[in-house]
Amino acid sequence: MSNREIAKLFRKLARLMELHGENEFKIRSLSNASFKIDRLETTLDGLTEKELEAIDGIGKSLSKKISTLFTTGRLPELDDLLSG
């Protein structure tokens, strides 16, 4: 999965969270991470959670989401919002 694809999924998740009245801090965090990931020159694929956390704008929560994307190809939070 490319950085661009990850950024696109994070943008989609942020928009859906906004529509569902979710936590504004989480929405802003996802939006900011999406912007930064889309512009990174380094690919995220193959990085550990600790390496992901070291990237500006990606904390523990987002590094777990990215790791989940690489292992399962899905974002459970996005799936929940799309099915609900």
C-alpha atoms as a PDB file:
ATOM      1  CA  MET A   1       0.000   0.000   0.000  1.00  0.00           C
ATOM      2  CA  SER A   2       1.433   3.345  -1.008  1.00  0.00           C
ATOM      3  CA  ASN A   3       1.682   6.485   1.106  1.00  0.00           C
ATOM      4  CA  ARG A   4      -0.862   8.116  -1.188  1.00  0.00           C
ATOM      5  CA  GLU A   5      -3.369   5.301  -0.562  1.00  0.00           C
ATOM      6  CA  ILE A   6      -2.858   5.559   3.195  1.00  0.00           C
ATOM      7  CA  ALA A   7      -3.321   9.336   3.059  1.00  0.00           C
ATOM      8  CA  LYS A   8      -6.517   8.900   1.044  1.00  0.00           C
ATOM      9  CA  LEU A   9      -7.950   6.427   3.590  1.00  0.00           C
ATOM     10  CA  PHE A  10      -7.055   8.744   6.475  1.00  0.00           C
ATOM     11  CA  ARG A  11      -8.787  11.659   4.712  1.00  0.00           C
ATOM     12  CA  LYS A  12     -11.877   9.527   4.149  1.00  0.00           C
ATOM     13  CA  LEU A  13     -11.894   8.407   7.786  1.00  0.00           C
ATOM     14  CA  ALA A  14     -11.508  12.001   9.001  1.00  0.00           C
ATOM     15  CA  ARG A  15     -14.432  13.158   6.855  1.00  0.00           C
ATOM     16  CA  LEU A  16     -16.690  10.362   8.038  1.00  0.00           C
ATOM     17  CA  MET A  17     -15.728  10.987  11.656  1.00  0.00           C
ATOM     18  CA  GLU A  18     -16.608  14.651  11.161  1.00  0.00           C
ATOM     19  CA  LEU A  19     -20.021  13.734   9.740  1.00  0.00           C
ATOM     20  CA  HIS A  20     -20.641  11.459  12.732  1.00  0.00           C
ATOM     21  CA  GLY A  21     -19.669  14.140  15.243  1.00  0.00           C
ATOM     22  CA  GLU A  22     -16.561  12.363  16.496  1.00  0.00           C
ATOM     23  CA  ASN A  23     -13.760  13.901  18.547  1.00  0.00           C
ATOM     24  CA  GLU A  24     -12.383  17.005  16.789  1.00  0.00           C
ATOM     25  CA  PHE A  25      -8.837  16.377  18.019  1.00  0.00           C
ATOM     26  CA  LYS A  26      -8.792  12.918  16.381  1.00  0.00           C
ATOM     27  CA  ILE A  27     -10.234  14.336  13.173  1.00  0.00           C
ATOM     28  CA  ARG A  28      -7.581  17.056  13.028  1.00  0.00           C
ATOM     29  CA  SER A  29      -4.858  14.549  13.838  1.00  0.00           C
ATOM     30  CA  LEU A  30      -5.961  12.281  10.968  1.00  0.00           C
ATOM     31  CA  SER A  31      -6.223  15.200   8.555  1.00  0.00           C
ATOM     32  CA  ASN A  32      -2.762  16.482   9.456  1.00  0.00           C
ATOM     33  CA  ALA A  33      -1.244  12.997   9.207  1.00  0.00           C
ATOM     34  CA  SER A  34      -2.900  12.483   5.829  1.00  0.00           C
ATOM     35  CA  PHE A  35      -1.351  15.706   4.537  1.00  0.00           C
ATOM     36  CA  LYS A  36       2.118  14.800   5.820  1.00  0.00           C
ATOM     37  CA  ILE A  37       2.004  11.165   4.683  1.00  0.00           C
ATOM     38  CA  ASP A  38       0.963  12.196   1.189  1.00  0.00           C
ATOM     39  CA  ARG A  39       4.076  14.367   0.921  1.00  0.00           C
ATOM     40  CA  LEU A  40       6.614  12.011   2.515  1.00  0.00           C
ATOM     41  CA  GLU A  41       9.438  10.915   0.277  1.00  0.00           C
ATOM     42  CA  THR A  42      10.046   7.806   2.366  1.00  0.00           C
ATOM     43  CA  THR A  43       7.607   4.952   1.930  1.00  0.00           C
ATOM     44  CA  LEU A  44       5.906   3.787   5.110  1.00  0.00           C
ATOM     45  CA  ASP A  45       5.681   0.171   3.993  1.00  0.00           C
ATOM     46  CA  GLY A  46       8.007  -2.009   6.026  1.00  0.00           C
ATOM     47  CA  LEU A  47       8.511   0.418   8.905  1.00  0.00           C
ATOM     48  CA  THR A  48       7.921  -0.743  12.476  1.00  0.00           C
ATOM     49  CA  GLU A  49       5.432   1.010  14.743  1.00  0.00           C
ATOM     50  CA  LYS A  50       8.336   2.677  16.587  1.00  0.00           C
ATOM     51  CA  GLU A  51       9.798   3.936  13.300  1.00  0.00           C
ATOM     52  CA  LEU A  52       6.374   5.230  12.263  1.00  0.00           C
ATOM     53  CA  GLU A  53       5.967   7.045  15.596  1.00  0.00           C
ATOM     54  CA  ALA A  54       9.273   8.831  14.977  1.00  0.00           C
ATOM     55  CA  ILE A  55       7.797  10.526  11.905  1.00  0.00           C
ATOM     56  CA  ASP A  56       6.492  14.022  12.584  1.00  0.00           C
ATOM     57  CA  GLY A  57       2.691  13.955  12.850  1.00  0.00           C
ATOM     58  CA  ILE A  58       2.374  10.208  13.445  1.00  0.00           C
ATOM     59  CA  GLY A  59       1.879   9.169  17.040  1.00  0.00           C
ATOM     60  CA  LYS A  60       1.184   5.868  18.700  1.00  0.00           C
ATOM     61  CA  SER A  61      -2.465   5.685  17.635  1.00  0.00           C
ATOM     62  CA  LEU A  62      -1.789   6.477  13.990  1.00  0.00           C
ATOM     63  CA  SER A  63       1.202   4.133  13.831  1.00  0.00           C
ATOM     64  CA  LYS A  64      -1.100   1.318  14.985  1.00  0.00           C
ATOM     65  CA  LYS A  65      -3.625   2.230  12.281  1.00  0.00           C
ATOM     66  CA  ILE A  66      -0.904   2.181   9.629  1.00  0.00           C
ATOM     67  CA  SER A  67       0.419  -1.165  10.871  1.00  0.00           C
ATOM     68  CA  THR A  68      -3.105  -2.576  10.783  1.00  0.00           C
ATOM     69  CA  LEU A  69      -3.470  -1.352   7.198  1.00  0.00           C
ATOM     70  CA  PHE A  70      -0.277  -3.141   6.186  1.00  0.00           C
ATOM     71  CA  THR A  71      -1.200  -6.404   7.907  1.00  0.00           C
ATOM     72  CA  THR A  72      -4.924  -6.577   7.108  1.00  0.00           C
ATOM     73  CA  GLY A  73      -5.475  -4.095   4.313  1.00  0.00           C
ATOM     74  CA  ARG A  74      -8.344  -2.590   6.318  1.00  0.00           C
ATOM     75  CA  LEU A  75      -9.049   0.155   8.838  1.00  0.00           C
ATOM     76  CA  PRO A  76     -11.594  -1.188  11.356  1.00  0.00           C
ATOM     77  CA  GLU A  77     -12.726   2.337  12.314  1.00  0.00           C
ATOM     78  CA  LEU A  78     -13.422   3.164   8.678  1.00  0.00           C
ATOM     79  CA  ASP A  79     -15.279  -0.117   8.173  1.00  0.00           C
ATOM     80  CA  ASP A  80     -17.422   0.604  11.252  1.00  0.00           C
ATOM     81  CA  LEU A  81     -18.371   4.079  10.028  1.00  0.00           C
ATOM     82  CA  LEU A  82     -19.148   2.826   6.529  1.00  0.00           C
ATOM     83  CA  SER A  83     -21.339  -0.017   7.800  1.00  0.00           C
ATOM     84  CA  GLY A  84     -23.127   2.047  10.457  1.00  0.00           C
END
